[in-house]
Amino acid sequence: MENTLKRVGVIGGVRIPFCRNNTAYADVGNFGMSVKVLGALVERYGLHGQELGEVAMGAVIKHSSEWNLAREAVLSSGLAPTTPAITTARACGTSLDNAIIIANKIATGQIEAGIAGGSDTTSDVPIVLGERLRKRLLAVNRGKTWQDKLRAATQGFSLKELKPAFPGVAEPRTGMSMGDHCEKMAKEWHIARQAQDQLALDSHHKLAAAYETGFFEDLVVPFRGLKRDGFLRPDSTMEKLASLKPAFDRTSGHGTLTAGNSTGLSDGAAAVLLGTEEWAAQRGLKVQAWFRDAEVAAVDFVHGEGLLMAPTVAVPRMLARHGLTLQDFDFYEIHEAFAAQVLCTLRAWESADYCKHRLGLDQPLGAIDPAKLNVNGSSLAVGHPFAATGARIVATLAKMLEQKGSGRGLISICTAGGMGVTAILER
């Protein structure tokens, strides 16, 4: 294999409007949403009947029957049925990870083009049988005669066995939810409630402005009667946000995370097309931006580190590889799982103590220009279908760089399990 890496172009992306669970997409599910965004990409870039090198799609909350979700969606997308596909998951980083998978394959010459994306639903969640009932049903199935089956079905039966198990929102290692962990982070880094509410309000106002200027006209594909994200609240105010009660720490009197400054349960999907410059040129397509590099990291949240702090570790590693500083960017896309998590990340990079003792740096990374942060709004206003967020951000940032005509953008996404996925896009 040649050692020369090919440049990886982000050609463009689409998404459907993100919406609250149990609303517009309640009966669509991951498959329907994935087919919609893949089909929209095929339509936009004239890919009908074309064979791509790979499609990487993922979902965090999915049924066991969706083990081959990406491949099944490809077969209904309009792409050639000879296009392979892989189904992945790394919590909130899933579709940024998929962009990395596709980009790496393109860079090394394994493929010329591919699609990265993800979908998630918190409406169509898998409800699992309790362990005792599951074993009972398996025993019934093994029974040779009807008497064996009846005995297996009734012996020692209790109504408690009928209680189903729902997908857990807690970290298995700590028993705490992501919100509980982030509340701890907010206290550790002294992130005030007002600052969190302000960041959330800014996100809504920026997203509303982006829709008004037409920024999302070619990025957001109408679906199920929706043209805009169902979470967008352009009329929100600091007074309204301040009236909300703490959502996680409800008893201490010091809780700061609320439904207003935390992402809500969401449904949605997004996908992005990547390829070499030559592949794009052959089809009359333009490259919006270049996928320069990526880095993934993890933190020891079980023994005290903040669950959502892994991007603080990943970013400086990536910067060091390219001789860049944190200030060498025109745009910063920091996923807003919680307003507090964004503010903790920024404060950590400004902390001399944290940068020295945790990151091993001689100097703090420093502050960023807030005017360059999530300039078209982010997850607090858009919504956060876990596996769709990364592709949403890649598509958004690539268009921003194309509009500017030059520049560099940083993507930072925290995930469950104490991990972080980050990337650099350039033009």
Protein backbone atom coordinates (compact mmCIF):
# COMPACT_ATOMS: atom_id res chain seq x y z
CA MET A 1 0.00 0.00 0.00
CA GLU A 2 1.28 3.48 -0.85
CA ASN A 3 2.18 5.73 2.06
CA THR A 4 0.71 8.82 0.37
CA LEU A 5 -2.64 9.71 1.91
CA LYS A 6 -5.39 11.17 -0.26
CA ARG A 7 -7.24 14.31 0.74
CA VAL A 8 -10.76 13.61 1.96
CA GLY A 9 -13.47 15.99 0.87
CA VAL A 10 -16.77 16.64 2.59
CA ILE A 11 -19.09 17.04 -0.39
CA GLY A 12 -22.26 17.77 1.54
CA GLY A 13 -24.82 16.48 3.98
CA VAL A 14 -28.51 16.46 4.82
CA ARG A 15 -30.70 15.81 7.80
CA ILE A 16 -34.37 15.71 8.62
CA PRO A 17 -35.65 18.17 11.23
CA PHE A 18 -34.96 16.82 14.71
CA CYS A 19 -38.04 16.56 16.90
CA ARG A 20 -39.19 15.64 20.38
CA ASN A 21 -39.82 11.97 21.03
CA ASN A 22 -43.36 10.67 20.68
CA THR A 23 -44.28 13.39 18.17
CA ALA A 24 -43.86 13.51 14.36
CA TYR A 25 -41.58 10.48 13.99
CA ALA A 26 -43.05 8.30 16.73
CA ASP A 27 -43.98 5.53 14.27
CA VAL A 28 -41.07 5.92 11.82
CA GLY A 29 -38.16 4.34 13.67
CA ASN A 30 -34.48 4.22 12.77
CA PHE A 31 -34.99 2.40 9.49
CA GLY A 32 -37.47 4.92 8.10
CA MET A 33 -35.38 7.91 9.16
CA SER A 34 -32.16 6.38 7.80
CA VAL A 35 -33.78 5.64 4.44
CA LYS A 36 -35.08 9.21 4.26
CA VAL A 37 -31.69 10.88 4.75
CA LEU A 38 -29.81 8.41 2.53
CA GLY A 39 -32.43 8.83 -0.18
CA ALA A 40 -32.18 12.61 0.11
CA LEU A 41 -28.39 12.44 -0.35
CA VAL A 42 -28.80 10.13 -3.36
CA GLU A 43 -31.31 12.55 -4.88
CA ARG A 44 -29.23 15.67 -4.23
CA TYR A 45 -25.96 14.34 -5.58
CA GLY A 46 -27.26 12.17 -8.44
CA LEU A 47 -26.19 8.87 -6.94
CA HIS A 48 -29.07 6.71 -8.20
CA GLY A 49 -27.80 3.23 -9.02
CA GLN A 50 -24.22 4.14 -8.10
CA GLU A 51 -22.00 1.86 -6.05
CA LEU A 52 -20.16 3.61 -3.22
CA GLY A 53 -17.18 2.17 -1.37
CA GLU A 54 -18.96 2.07 2.01
CA VAL A 55 -21.90 3.43 3.95
CA ALA A 56 -21.37 3.69 7.71
CA MET A 57 -24.58 4.38 9.63
CA GLY A 58 -25.35 3.88 13.28
CA ALA A 59 -27.94 4.08 16.03
CA VAL A 60 -27.60 3.97 19.79
CA ILE A 61 -31.12 2.92 20.72
CA LYS A 62 -32.18 0.18 18.33
CA HIS A 63 -34.02 -3.13 18.29
CA SER A 64 -32.08 -6.38 18.03
CA SER A 65 -33.73 -6.84 14.62
CA GLU A 66 -31.85 -3.72 13.45
CA TRP A 67 -28.43 -5.36 13.75
CA ASN A 68 -27.90 -4.70 10.02
CA LEU A 69 -29.60 -1.31 9.96
CA ALA A 70 -27.13 0.43 7.64
CA ARG A 71 -27.18 -2.29 4.99
CA GLU A 72 -30.98 -2.55 5.06
CA ALA A 73 -31.28 1.23 4.69
CA VAL A 74 -28.85 1.21 1.75
CA LEU A 75 -31.00 -1.39 -0.03
CA SER A 76 -33.93 1.05 0.12
CA SER A 77 -31.93 4.23 -0.60
CA GLY A 78 -31.53 4.23 -4.38
CA LEU A 79 -27.81 3.40 -4.21
CA ALA A 80 -26.62 0.30 -6.08
CA PRO A 81 -27.41 -2.82 -4.03
CA THR A 82 -23.72 -3.71 -4.40
CA THR A 83 -22.85 -0.89 -1.96
CA PRO A 84 -21.62 -2.39 1.35
CA ALA A 85 -22.63 -0.93 4.70
CA ILE A 86 -21.66 -1.19 8.34
CA THR A 87 -23.80 -0.48 11.43
CA THR A 88 -21.96 1.17 14.33
CA ALA A 89 -22.44 2.81 17.72
CA ARG A 90 -20.37 4.99 20.02
CA ALA A 91 -23.15 6.82 21.84
CA CYS A 92 -23.31 10.53 20.93
CA GLY A 93 -20.16 10.31 18.81
CA THR A 94 -21.54 7.62 16.49
CA SER A 95 -21.90 9.50 13.21
CA LEU A 96 -18.73 11.57 13.69
CA ASP A 97 -17.00 8.22 14.22
CA ASN A 98 -18.62 7.04 10.99
CA ALA A 99 -17.22 10.07 9.18
CA ILE A 100 -13.79 9.10 10.55
CA ILE A 101 -14.26 5.50 9.33
CA ILE A 102 -15.18 6.66 5.83
CA ALA A 103 -12.47 9.35 5.77
CA ASN A 104 -9.77 6.89 6.81
CA LYS A 105 -10.79 4.45 4.06
CA ILE A 106 -10.73 7.23 1.48
CA ALA A 107 -7.39 8.61 2.73
CA THR A 108 -5.69 5.22 2.46
CA GLY A 109 -7.08 4.55 -1.00
CA GLN A 110 -9.37 1.68 0.01
CA ILE A 111 -12.43 3.50 -1.35
CA GLU A 112 -13.09 6.66 -3.35
CA ALA A 113 -16.32 7.77 -1.72
CA GLY A 114 -18.75 6.87 1.03
CA ILE A 115 -21.55 8.08 3.27
CA ALA A 116 -21.44 8.52 7.05
CA GLY A 117 -24.51 9.05 9.18
CA GLY A 118 -26.74 8.00 12.00
CA SER A 119 -30.27 7.99 13.33
CA ASP A 120 -31.85 7.64 16.73
CA THR A 121 -35.30 7.36 18.18
CA THR A 122 -36.37 7.62 21.79
CA SER A 123 -39.96 6.96 20.72
CA ASP A 124 -39.54 3.44 19.28
CA VAL A 125 -37.45 2.01 22.12
CA PRO A 126 -36.81 -1.72 22.59
CA ILE A 127 -38.71 -3.06 25.60
CA VAL A 128 -36.99 -6.16 26.96
CA LEU A 129 -38.56 -9.07 28.80
CA GLY A 130 -37.42 -9.60 32.38
CA GLU A 131 -34.77 -12.31 32.81
CA ARG A 132 -37.11 -14.81 34.52
CA LEU A 133 -39.80 -14.45 31.84
CA ARG A 134 -37.21 -14.74 29.07
CA LYS A 135 -35.90 -17.99 30.53
CA ARG A 136 -39.45 -19.27 30.98
CA LEU A 137 -40.32 -18.65 27.33
CA LEU A 138 -37.14 -20.37 26.20
CA ALA A 139 -38.07 -23.36 28.39
CA VAL A 140 -41.55 -23.43 26.83
CA ASN A 141 -39.94 -23.43 23.40
CA ARG A 142 -37.71 -26.38 24.36
CA GLY A 143 -40.63 -28.44 25.62
CA LYS A 144 -41.18 -31.63 23.55
CA THR A 145 -44.85 -32.18 24.44
CA TRP A 146 -47.73 -29.84 25.28
CA GLN A 147 -47.52 -31.08 28.86
CA ASP A 148 -43.83 -30.07 29.01
CA LYS A 149 -44.69 -26.68 27.57
CA LEU A 150 -47.57 -26.14 30.02
CA ARG A 151 -45.38 -27.13 32.97
CA ALA A 152 -42.62 -24.74 31.86
CA ALA A 153 -45.14 -21.93 31.39
CA THR A 154 -46.90 -22.26 34.75
CA GLN A 155 -44.50 -23.76 37.31
CA GLY A 156 -43.56 -21.11 39.88
CA PHE A 157 -45.05 -18.34 37.74
CA SER A 158 -45.41 -14.87 39.29
CA LEU A 159 -47.11 -11.76 37.86
CA LYS A 160 -43.91 -9.84 38.65
CA GLU A 161 -42.30 -11.66 35.74
CA LEU A 162 -44.48 -9.65 33.33
CA LYS A 163 -42.75 -6.39 34.25
CA PRO A 164 -40.65 -5.33 31.21
CA ALA A 165 -37.22 -3.68 31.27
CA PHE A 166 -36.72 -0.39 29.41
CA PRO A 167 -33.43 0.94 27.95
CA GLY A 168 -31.28 2.29 30.76
CA VAL A 169 -30.21 5.93 30.87
CA ALA A 170 -27.72 5.34 33.66
CA GLU A 171 -24.02 4.55 33.36
CA PRO A 172 -23.71 0.84 34.26
CA ARG A 173 -20.51 1.50 36.25
CA THR A 174 -21.93 4.26 38.46
CA GLY A 175 -25.70 3.90 38.30
CA MET A 176 -25.87 7.65 37.60
CA SER A 177 -27.46 9.28 34.58
CA MET A 178 -25.53 11.55 32.25
CA GLY A 179 -27.39 14.48 33.79
CA ASP A 180 -26.36 13.40 37.29
CA HIS A 181 -22.73 13.23 36.16
CA CYS A 182 -22.92 16.61 34.46
CA GLU A 183 -24.44 18.14 37.59
CA LYS A 184 -21.34 16.97 39.47
CA MET A 185 -19.13 18.53 36.80
CA ALA A 186 -20.99 21.83 37.05
CA LYS A 187 -20.38 21.92 40.80
CA GLU A 188 -16.70 20.99 40.42
CA TRP A 189 -16.06 23.70 37.83
CA HIS A 190 -18.35 26.26 39.51
CA ILE A 191 -20.60 26.71 36.48
CA ALA A 192 -23.46 29.03 37.44
CA ARG A 193 -27.08 28.41 36.46
CA GLN A 194 -27.32 31.82 34.75
CA ALA A 195 -24.37 31.06 32.47
CA GLN A 196 -25.98 27.76 31.47
CA ASP A 197 -29.31 29.41 30.71
CA GLN A 198 -27.59 32.13 28.69
CA LEU A 199 -25.76 29.58 26.54
CA ALA A 200 -29.05 27.73 25.94
CA LEU A 201 -30.85 30.97 25.04
CA ASP A 202 -28.06 31.93 22.64
CA SER A 203 -28.34 28.52 20.95
CA HIS A 204 -32.06 29.05 20.27
CA HIS A 205 -31.55 32.59 18.97
CA LYS A 206 -28.67 31.54 16.69
CA LEU A 207 -30.61 28.58 15.27
CA ALA A 208 -33.66 30.78 14.66
CA ALA A 209 -31.49 33.36 12.87
CA ALA A 210 -29.89 30.65 10.73
CA TYR A 211 -33.32 29.45 9.60
CA GLU A 212 -34.40 33.02 8.84
CA THR A 213 -31.35 33.64 6.63
CA GLY A 214 -31.96 30.40 4.74
CA PHE A 215 -28.78 28.69 5.93
CA PHE A 216 -30.57 25.36 6.37
CA GLU A 217 -32.50 25.37 3.06
CA ASP A 218 -30.25 22.74 1.49
CA LEU A 219 -29.26 21.00 4.74
CA VAL A 220 -32.67 20.21 6.27
CA VAL A 221 -35.06 18.01 4.27
CA PRO A 222 -38.75 18.40 5.25
CA PHE A 223 -40.21 15.23 6.71
CA ARG A 224 -43.55 14.24 8.20
CA GLY A 225 -44.84 17.82 7.98
CA LEU A 226 -41.81 19.30 9.77
CA LYS A 227 -39.60 21.93 8.14
CA ARG A 228 -37.80 23.08 11.28
CA ASP A 229 -36.52 21.42 14.42
CA GLY A 230 -39.21 20.70 16.99
CA PHE A 231 -37.07 21.93 19.89
CA LEU A 232 -36.52 25.44 18.54
CA ARG A 233 -37.89 28.11 20.87
CA PRO A 234 -37.10 31.51 19.27
CA ASP A 235 -39.35 33.28 21.81
CA SER A 236 -37.51 31.86 24.82
CA THR A 237 -36.20 34.33 27.40
CA MET A 238 -33.89 34.24 30.38
CA GLU A 239 -36.95 34.72 32.60
CA LYS A 240 -38.64 31.62 31.17
CA LEU A 241 -35.48 29.56 31.52
CA ALA A 242 -34.92 30.79 35.08
CA SER A 243 -38.41 29.59 36.06
CA LEU A 244 -37.59 25.93 35.34
CA LYS A 245 -36.82 23.61 38.23
CA PRO A 246 -33.64 21.48 38.44
CA ALA A 247 -34.07 18.27 36.43
CA PHE A 248 -31.46 16.07 38.16
CA ASP A 249 -30.38 17.41 41.55
CA ARG A 250 -33.84 18.15 42.92
CA THR A 251 -33.10 17.91 46.63
CA SER A 252 -29.89 19.75 47.55
CA GLY A 253 -31.10 23.19 46.56
CA HIS A 254 -27.97 23.61 44.43
CA GLY A 255 -29.05 21.87 41.22
CA THR A 256 -28.43 23.93 38.06
CA LEU A 257 -29.28 21.60 35.17
CA THR A 258 -32.85 22.00 33.90
CA ALA A 259 -34.98 20.93 30.96
CA GLY A 260 -34.09 24.28 29.40
CA ASN A 261 -30.30 23.98 29.52
CA SER A 262 -30.15 20.21 28.81
CA THR A 263 -30.98 18.41 25.56
CA GLY A 264 -34.37 16.74 25.37
CA LEU A 265 -35.17 13.20 24.22
CA SER A 266 -35.04 13.39 20.43
CA ASP A 267 -35.79 11.59 17.16
CA GLY A 268 -33.90 12.31 13.95
CA ALA A 269 -31.28 11.33 11.37
CA ALA A 270 -28.44 12.89 9.39
CA ALA A 271 -25.93 11.79 6.76
CA VAL A 272 -22.93 13.27 4.93
CA LEU A 273 -21.19 12.37 1.65
CA LEU A 274 -17.38 12.18 1.58
CA GLY A 275 -15.04 11.49 -1.33
CA THR A 276 -11.79 12.26 -3.08
CA GLU A 277 -11.42 15.44 -5.12
CA GLU A 278 -11.13 13.35 -8.28
CA TRP A 279 -14.29 11.35 -7.56
CA ALA A 280 -16.24 14.56 -6.95
CA ALA A 281 -14.87 16.29 -10.08
CA GLN A 282 -15.80 13.33 -12.29
CA ARG A 283 -19.42 13.82 -11.22
CA GLY A 284 -19.46 17.60 -11.36
CA LEU A 285 -19.61 17.86 -7.56
CA LYS A 286 -17.76 20.39 -5.42
CA VAL A 287 -15.90 19.76 -2.19
CA GLN A 288 -17.19 21.99 0.62
CA ALA A 289 -14.33 21.33 3.06
CA TRP A 290 -11.53 18.88 3.79
CA PHE A 291 -11.64 16.36 6.61
CA ARG A 292 -8.18 17.01 8.07
CA ASP A 293 -7.86 14.84 11.18
CA ALA A 294 -9.66 13.30 14.15
CA GLU A 295 -8.94 12.09 17.67
CA VAL A 296 -10.82 9.98 20.21
CA ALA A 297 -10.11 9.89 23.95
CA ALA A 298 -11.56 8.51 27.17
CA VAL A 299 -11.48 9.51 30.85
CA ASP A 300 -11.63 7.52 34.08
CA PHE A 301 -15.04 8.76 35.15
CA VAL A 302 -15.54 5.80 37.49
CA HIS A 303 -12.74 7.13 39.71
CA GLY A 304 -13.63 10.78 39.74
CA GLU A 305 -13.03 12.38 36.35
CA GLY A 306 -15.96 14.19 34.75
CA LEU A 307 -17.96 11.84 32.53
CA LEU A 308 -18.16 14.34 29.67
CA MET A 309 -14.62 15.74 29.83
CA ALA A 310 -12.90 13.42 27.33
CA PRO A 311 -12.92 16.03 24.50
CA THR A 312 -10.67 18.19 26.67
CA VAL A 313 -8.08 15.40 26.34
CA ALA A 314 -8.63 14.59 22.65
CA VAL A 315 -8.39 18.13 21.30
CA PRO A 316 -4.86 19.03 22.54
CA ARG A 317 -3.51 15.73 21.18
CA MET A 318 -4.91 16.61 17.77
CA LEU A 319 -3.65 20.20 17.95
CA ALA A 320 -0.14 19.00 18.82
CA ARG A 321 -0.01 16.78 15.71
CA HIS A 322 -0.54 19.82 13.50
CA GLY A 323 1.26 22.51 15.47
CA LEU A 324 -2.00 24.36 16.05
CA THR A 325 -3.25 26.35 19.01
CA LEU A 326 -6.84 26.36 20.25
CA GLN A 327 -7.21 29.86 18.85
CA ASP A 328 -6.31 28.81 15.27
CA PHE A 329 -9.92 28.16 14.28
CA ASP A 330 -12.64 30.18 12.59
CA PHE A 331 -15.47 28.04 13.97
CA TYR A 332 -15.96 25.81 17.02
CA GLU A 333 -18.71 23.21 16.96
CA ILE A 334 -18.94 21.93 20.52
CA HIS A 335 -21.90 19.60 20.92
CA GLU A 336 -24.30 20.91 23.55
CA ALA A 337 -25.37 17.79 25.42
CA PHE A 338 -25.77 20.16 28.36
CA ALA A 339 -24.91 23.84 28.57
CA ALA A 340 -22.86 23.01 31.67
CA GLN A 341 -20.78 20.45 29.78
CA VAL A 342 -19.78 23.02 27.13
CA LEU A 343 -18.86 25.54 29.83
CA CYS A 344 -16.88 22.94 31.81
CA THR A 345 -14.90 22.08 28.67
CA LEU A 346 -14.07 25.72 27.94
CA ARG A 347 -13.13 26.39 31.57
CA ALA A 348 -10.85 23.33 31.66
CA TRP A 349 -8.94 24.55 28.61
CA GLU A 350 -8.45 27.92 30.33
CA SER A 351 -7.28 26.29 33.59
CA ALA A 352 -3.49 26.31 34.05
CA ASP A 353 -3.81 23.63 36.74
CA TYR A 354 -5.94 21.28 34.63
CA CYS A 355 -3.85 21.76 31.51
CA LYS A 356 -0.63 21.10 33.42
CA HIS A 357 -1.61 18.20 35.67
CA ARG A 358 -4.24 16.42 33.50
CA LEU A 359 -3.15 17.30 29.98
CA GLY A 360 0.61 17.61 30.57
CA LEU A 361 0.84 21.03 28.96
CA ASP A 362 3.21 23.84 29.94
CA GLN A 363 0.57 26.47 29.25
CA PRO A 364 -3.24 26.48 29.34
CA LEU A 365 -4.88 26.10 25.93
CA GLY A 366 -6.63 29.38 26.64
CA ALA A 367 -10.00 30.90 25.78
CA ILE A 368 -11.83 30.85 22.46
CA ASP A 369 -13.76 33.70 20.85
CA PRO A 370 -17.40 33.11 21.92
CA ALA A 371 -18.58 34.70 18.66
CA LYS A 372 -17.12 31.67 16.83
CA LEU A 373 -18.86 29.06 18.99
CA ASN A 374 -21.84 27.14 17.53
CA VAL A 375 -22.68 30.14 15.36
CA ASN A 376 -25.80 28.54 13.85
CA GLY A 377 -27.02 27.03 17.11
CA SER A 378 -26.39 23.52 18.39
CA SER A 379 -27.95 20.60 20.21
CA LEU A 380 -29.78 22.56 22.93
CA ALA A 381 -31.92 24.21 20.23
CA VAL A 382 -31.70 21.62 17.46
CA GLY A 383 -32.22 18.48 19.55
CA HIS A 384 -29.91 15.51 19.99
CA PRO A 385 -30.82 12.16 18.42
CA PHE A 386 -27.67 10.52 19.75
CA ALA A 387 -26.23 8.89 16.62
CA ALA A 388 -27.31 11.71 14.27
CA THR A 389 -25.54 14.64 15.95
CA GLY A 390 -22.05 14.07 14.52
CA ALA A 391 -23.21 14.01 10.89
CA ARG A 392 -25.36 17.07 11.55
CA ILE A 393 -22.32 18.96 12.81
CA VAL A 394 -20.01 17.82 9.97
CA ALA A 395 -22.55 18.91 7.35
CA THR A 396 -23.17 22.24 9.10
CA LEU A 397 -19.49 23.06 9.56
CA ALA A 398 -18.57 22.08 5.99
CA LYS A 399 -21.20 24.48 4.64
CA MET A 400 -20.00 27.26 6.94
CA LEU A 401 -16.43 26.82 5.66
CA GLU A 402 -17.67 26.78 2.07
CA GLN A 403 -19.58 30.02 2.60
CA LYS A 404 -16.55 31.68 4.19
CA GLY A 405 -14.34 30.46 1.36
CA SER A 406 -11.49 29.50 3.66
CA GLY A 407 -10.72 28.65 7.26
CA ARG A 408 -10.63 25.89 9.82
CA GLY A 409 -13.25 24.39 12.14
CA LEU A 410 -13.02 22.28 15.30
CA ILE A 411 -15.62 19.64 16.20
CA SER A 412 -15.90 18.34 19.78
CA ILE A 413 -18.44 15.74 20.91
CA CYS A 414 -18.68 14.14 24.37
CA THR A 415 -20.23 10.69 24.71
CA ALA A 416 -21.59 8.31 27.30
CA GLY A 417 -19.02 5.98 28.80
CA GLY A 418 -16.60 8.85 29.39
CA MET A 419 -15.40 9.21 25.79
CA GLY A 420 -14.92 12.09 23.38
CA VAL A 421 -14.73 12.29 19.57
CA THR A 422 -13.13 15.33 17.91
CA ALA A 423 -12.17 16.38 14.39
CA ILE A 424 -10.77 19.21 12.27
CA LEU A 425 -12.30 20.42 9.01
CA GLU A 426 -10.51 22.89 6.73
CA ARG A 427 -11.03 24.82 3.50
